[in-house]
Amino acid sequence: MDCVFDLDHGKCDCGVYAVEKIPCSHAIASGTSAGLHISTLVCPVYSKDFLFAGYSENIYPC
């Protein structure tokens, strides 16, 4: 299956990138050939900052 990844809009014909928000093989290939670091293609919700924010407050049992 030939897929096209649109770097400007973050869309790929395979649909994996739209669902999982992590680079599919097509996004990695496109980003690499464009000279981008792959981490820039990952959705920010998977970042260290979001992980730390999720644990920044205390959670008390009911």
C-alpha atoms as a PDB file:
ATOM      1  CA  MET A   1       0.000   0.000   0.000  1.00  0.00           C
ATOM      2  CA  ASP A   2       1.432   3.364  -0.996  1.00  0.00           C
ATOM      3  CA  CYS A   3       0.712   6.081   1.531  1.00  0.00           C
ATOM      4  CA  VAL A   4       1.312   9.798   1.484  1.00  0.00           C
ATOM      5  CA  PHE A   5       2.133  11.714   4.664  1.00  0.00           C
ATOM      6  CA  ASP A   6       1.338  15.428   4.694  1.00  0.00           C
ATOM      7  CA  LEU A   7       3.920  17.148   6.914  1.00  0.00           C
ATOM      8  CA  ASP A   8       2.042  20.456   6.881  1.00  0.00           C
ATOM      9  CA  HIS A   9      -1.190  18.983   8.236  1.00  0.00           C
ATOM     10  CA  GLY A  10       0.093  15.883  10.055  1.00  0.00           C
ATOM     11  CA  LYS A  11      -2.069  13.477   8.080  1.00  0.00           C
ATOM     12  CA  CYS A  12      -1.242  10.122   6.531  1.00  0.00           C
ATOM     13  CA  ASP A  13      -3.280   8.002   4.149  1.00  0.00           C
ATOM     14  CA  CYS A  14      -2.796   4.919   6.346  1.00  0.00           C
ATOM     15  CA  GLY A  15      -4.768   6.492   9.217  1.00  0.00           C
ATOM     16  CA  VAL A  16      -2.429   5.244  11.960  1.00  0.00           C
ATOM     17  CA  TYR A  17      -1.071   8.706  12.708  1.00  0.00           C
ATOM     18  CA  ALA A  18      -4.586  10.161  13.087  1.00  0.00           C
ATOM     19  CA  VAL A  19      -5.629   7.496  15.596  1.00  0.00           C
ATOM     20  CA  GLU A  20      -2.506   6.925  17.694  1.00  0.00           C
ATOM     21  CA  LYS A  21      -0.835  10.343  17.383  1.00  0.00           C
ATOM     22  CA  ILE A  22       2.570   8.726  17.113  1.00  0.00           C
ATOM     23  CA  PRO A  23       4.508   8.664  13.856  1.00  0.00           C
ATOM     24  CA  CYS A  24       3.743   5.793  11.506  1.00  0.00           C
ATOM     25  CA  SER A  25       6.502   4.514   9.245  1.00  0.00           C
ATOM     26  CA  HIS A  26       5.368   6.931   6.526  1.00  0.00           C
ATOM     27  CA  ALA A  27       5.607   9.912   8.893  1.00  0.00           C
ATOM     28  CA  ILE A  28       9.064   8.804  10.017  1.00  0.00           C
ATOM     29  CA  ALA A  29      10.249   8.462   6.423  1.00  0.00           C
ATOM     30  CA  SER A  30       8.806  11.850   5.436  1.00  0.00           C
ATOM     31  CA  GLY A  31      10.133  13.606   8.514  1.00  0.00           C
ATOM     32  CA  THR A  32      13.585  12.099   8.157  1.00  0.00           C
ATOM     33  CA  SER A  33      13.860  13.101   4.514  1.00  0.00           C
ATOM     34  CA  ALA A  34      12.725  16.633   5.441  1.00  0.00           C
ATOM     35  CA  GLY A  35      15.411  16.828   8.141  1.00  0.00           C
ATOM     36  CA  LEU A  36      12.985  16.833  11.079  1.00  0.00           C
ATOM     37  CA  HIS A  37      13.621  15.186  14.421  1.00  0.00           C
ATOM     38  CA  ILE A  38      11.037  12.432  14.834  1.00  0.00           C
ATOM     39  CA  SER A  39      10.046  13.619  18.326  1.00  0.00           C
ATOM     40  CA  THR A  40       8.519  16.735  16.750  1.00  0.00           C
ATOM     41  CA  LEU A  41       5.936  14.516  15.040  1.00  0.00           C
ATOM     42  CA  VAL A  42       4.659  12.951  18.279  1.00  0.00           C
ATOM     43  CA  CYS A  43       1.523  14.425  19.847  1.00  0.00           C
ATOM     44  CA  PRO A  44       2.367  16.574  22.907  1.00  0.00           C
ATOM     45  CA  VAL A  45       0.135  14.447  25.173  1.00  0.00           C
ATOM     46  CA  TYR A  46       2.895  11.817  25.092  1.00  0.00           C
ATOM     47  CA  SER A  47       5.495  14.313  26.336  1.00  0.00           C
ATOM     48  CA  LYS A  48       7.259  14.276  29.672  1.00  0.00           C
ATOM     49  CA  ASP A  49       5.503  17.523  30.642  1.00  0.00           C
ATOM     50  CA  PHE A  50       2.055  15.961  30.251  1.00  0.00           C
ATOM     51  CA  LEU A  51       3.142  12.883  32.197  1.00  0.00           C
ATOM     52  CA  PHE A  52       4.426  15.000  35.077  1.00  0.00           C
ATOM     53  CA  ALA A  53       1.285  17.159  35.011  1.00  0.00           C
ATOM     54  CA  GLY A  54      -0.834  14.047  35.457  1.00  0.00           C
ATOM     55  CA  TYR A  55       0.957  13.242  38.697  1.00  0.00           C
ATOM     56  CA  SER A  56       1.400  16.812  39.951  1.00  0.00           C
ATOM     57  CA  GLU A  57      -1.557  16.768  42.343  1.00  0.00           C
ATOM     58  CA  ASN A  58      -2.468  14.401  45.127  1.00  0.00           C
ATOM     59  CA  ILE A  59      -5.231  11.889  44.497  1.00  0.00           C
ATOM     60  CA  TYR A  60      -7.241  10.911  47.545  1.00  0.00           C
ATOM     61  CA  PRO A  61      -9.478   7.838  47.784  1.00  0.00           C
ATOM     62  CA  CYS A  62     -13.187   8.412  48.354  1.00  0.00           C
END
